[in-house]
Amino acid sequence: QVQLVESGGGLVQPGGSLRLSCAASEFTFSPYAMSWYRQAPGKERELVARVTSVGSATNYADSVKGRFTISRGNAKNTVYLQMNSLKPEDTAVYYCNARDWNSLDYWGKGTLVTVSS
């Protein structure tokens, strides 16, 4: 079964940048959409950004718009999240999500992003 693996999380100072990566275990996996979600302690999981396969349409949470950029790699089983101007409020576990053409969701195990001085 397809597995998603995130990387790139870590500790960064406010105003800094990080680039998250997600790759599916199967190179030929080409989902309808790939997304990044995040969940802070005691908070509900929220959608951060999404990109669809057709037309590369994107959606962003208002809280990250203008600071984060989601993109797909040349291989359609990969997705990235460039995070700039990071704020302490961005601290969370970030999860990669893929939705296939049958509307089935696949989830990574998450990568921790901590924004702190």
Protein backbone atom coordinates (compact mmCIF):
# COMPACT_ATOMS: atom_id res chain seq x y z
CA GLN A 1 0.00 0.00 0.00
CA VAL A 2 1.13 3.56 -0.67
CA GLN A 3 2.93 5.27 2.19
CA LEU A 4 3.73 8.96 2.51
CA VAL A 5 6.89 10.15 4.21
CA GLU A 6 7.49 13.76 5.26
CA SER A 7 10.82 15.42 5.91
CA GLY A 8 12.27 18.86 6.49
CA GLY A 9 10.81 19.77 9.84
CA GLY A 10 12.86 21.19 12.65
CA LEU A 11 13.53 24.17 14.87
CA VAL A 12 13.62 27.60 13.28
CA GLN A 13 13.61 31.16 14.57
CA PRO A 14 10.72 33.52 13.89
CA GLY A 15 11.09 35.03 10.45
CA GLY A 16 13.03 32.06 9.20
CA SER A 17 12.22 29.53 6.51
CA LEU A 18 11.80 25.81 6.14
CA ARG A 19 11.02 23.56 3.21
CA LEU A 20 8.97 20.45 3.83
CA SER A 21 9.02 17.50 1.47
CA CYS A 22 6.68 14.58 1.03
CA ALA A 23 7.17 11.54 -1.15
CA ALA A 24 5.00 8.52 -1.78
CA SER A 25 6.52 5.09 -1.58
CA GLU A 26 5.37 4.25 -5.09
CA PHE A 27 6.95 6.30 -7.84
CA THR A 28 3.98 5.81 -10.16
CA PHE A 29 1.47 7.08 -7.59
CA SER A 30 -0.28 10.11 -9.08
CA PRO A 31 -3.09 11.33 -6.83
CA TYR A 32 -5.79 13.83 -7.69
CA ALA A 33 -4.55 16.20 -5.01
CA MET A 34 -1.86 16.53 -2.41
CA SER A 35 -2.12 18.68 0.67
CA TRP A 36 -0.39 19.77 3.82
CA TYR A 37 -2.27 19.80 7.10
CA ARG A 38 -1.04 20.79 10.51
CA GLN A 39 -2.07 20.21 14.09
CA ALA A 40 -0.86 22.17 17.08
CA PRO A 41 -1.13 20.79 20.62
CA GLY A 42 -4.70 21.03 21.85
CA LYS A 43 -5.90 22.30 18.48
CA GLU A 44 -7.88 20.77 15.66
CA ARG A 45 -6.16 19.63 12.50
CA GLU A 46 -6.38 22.25 9.79
CA LEU A 47 -5.73 22.41 6.09
CA VAL A 48 -2.68 24.51 5.29
CA ALA A 49 -2.36 24.17 1.52
CA ARG A 50 -3.54 21.97 -1.31
CA VAL A 51 -2.59 21.49 -4.94
CA THR A 52 -4.60 19.54 -7.50
CA SER A 53 -3.14 17.58 -10.37
CA VAL A 54 -5.16 19.18 -13.16
CA GLY A 55 -4.34 22.80 -13.73
CA SER A 56 -2.19 22.93 -10.59
CA ALA A 57 -4.91 24.79 -8.73
CA THR A 58 -3.90 25.72 -5.21
CA ASN A 59 -5.65 26.63 -1.99
CA TYR A 60 -4.17 28.16 1.13
CA ALA A 61 -5.35 28.83 4.62
CA ASP A 62 -5.73 32.55 5.20
CA SER A 63 -3.19 32.38 7.99
CA VAL A 64 -0.40 31.27 5.64
CA LYS A 65 -1.35 32.96 2.40
CA GLY A 66 1.54 34.99 1.05
CA ARG A 67 4.05 33.18 3.24
CA PHE A 68 3.75 29.51 2.24
CA THR A 69 3.93 27.98 -1.21
CA ILE A 70 2.87 24.46 -2.11
CA SER A 71 4.26 22.82 -5.21
CA ARG A 72 4.55 19.44 -6.85
CA GLY A 73 7.78 17.93 -8.00
CA ASN A 74 8.38 16.66 -11.50
CA ALA A 75 7.51 13.29 -10.09
CA LYS A 76 3.82 13.44 -9.29
CA ASN A 77 4.30 11.43 -6.13
CA THR A 78 6.09 14.33 -4.46
CA VAL A 79 4.94 17.60 -2.95
CA TYR A 80 6.72 20.44 -1.19
CA LEU A 81 5.79 23.22 1.18
CA GLN A 82 8.05 26.25 1.21
CA MET A 83 7.45 28.15 4.44
CA ASN A 84 8.77 31.68 4.76
CA SER A 85 8.39 34.36 7.41
CA LEU A 86 7.59 31.72 9.98
CA LYS A 87 5.75 32.72 13.13
CA PRO A 88 5.49 31.00 16.51
CA GLU A 89 1.85 30.33 15.66
CA ASP A 90 3.05 28.06 12.85
CA THR A 91 4.42 25.59 15.38
CA ALA A 92 2.70 22.27 14.76
CA VAL A 93 3.06 18.79 13.41
CA TYR A 94 2.70 19.01 9.65
CA TYR A 95 1.10 16.11 7.81
CA CYS A 96 1.23 15.23 4.16
CA ASN A 97 -2.02 14.10 2.60
CA ALA A 98 -2.83 12.60 -0.78
CA ARG A 99 -6.27 12.03 -2.23
CA ASP A 100 -6.53 9.60 -5.08
CA TRP A 101 -9.02 9.60 -7.91
CA ASN A 102 -11.38 7.41 -5.87
CA SER A 103 -11.43 9.99 -3.05
CA LEU A 104 -9.37 7.79 -0.76
CA ASP A 105 -6.97 9.60 1.55
CA TYR A 106 -3.43 8.67 2.44
CA TRP A 107 -1.56 10.25 5.34
CA GLY A 108 2.02 10.62 6.40
CA LYS A 109 3.09 10.30 10.01
CA GLY A 110 3.97 13.97 10.29
CA THR A 111 7.01 16.14 10.81
CA LEU A 112 7.37 18.61 13.66
CA VAL A 113 7.96 22.29 12.96
CA THR A 114 8.89 24.44 15.93
CA VAL A 115 9.19 28.21 15.53
CA SER A 116 10.82 29.71 18.58
CA SER A 117 13.54 32.10 19.69
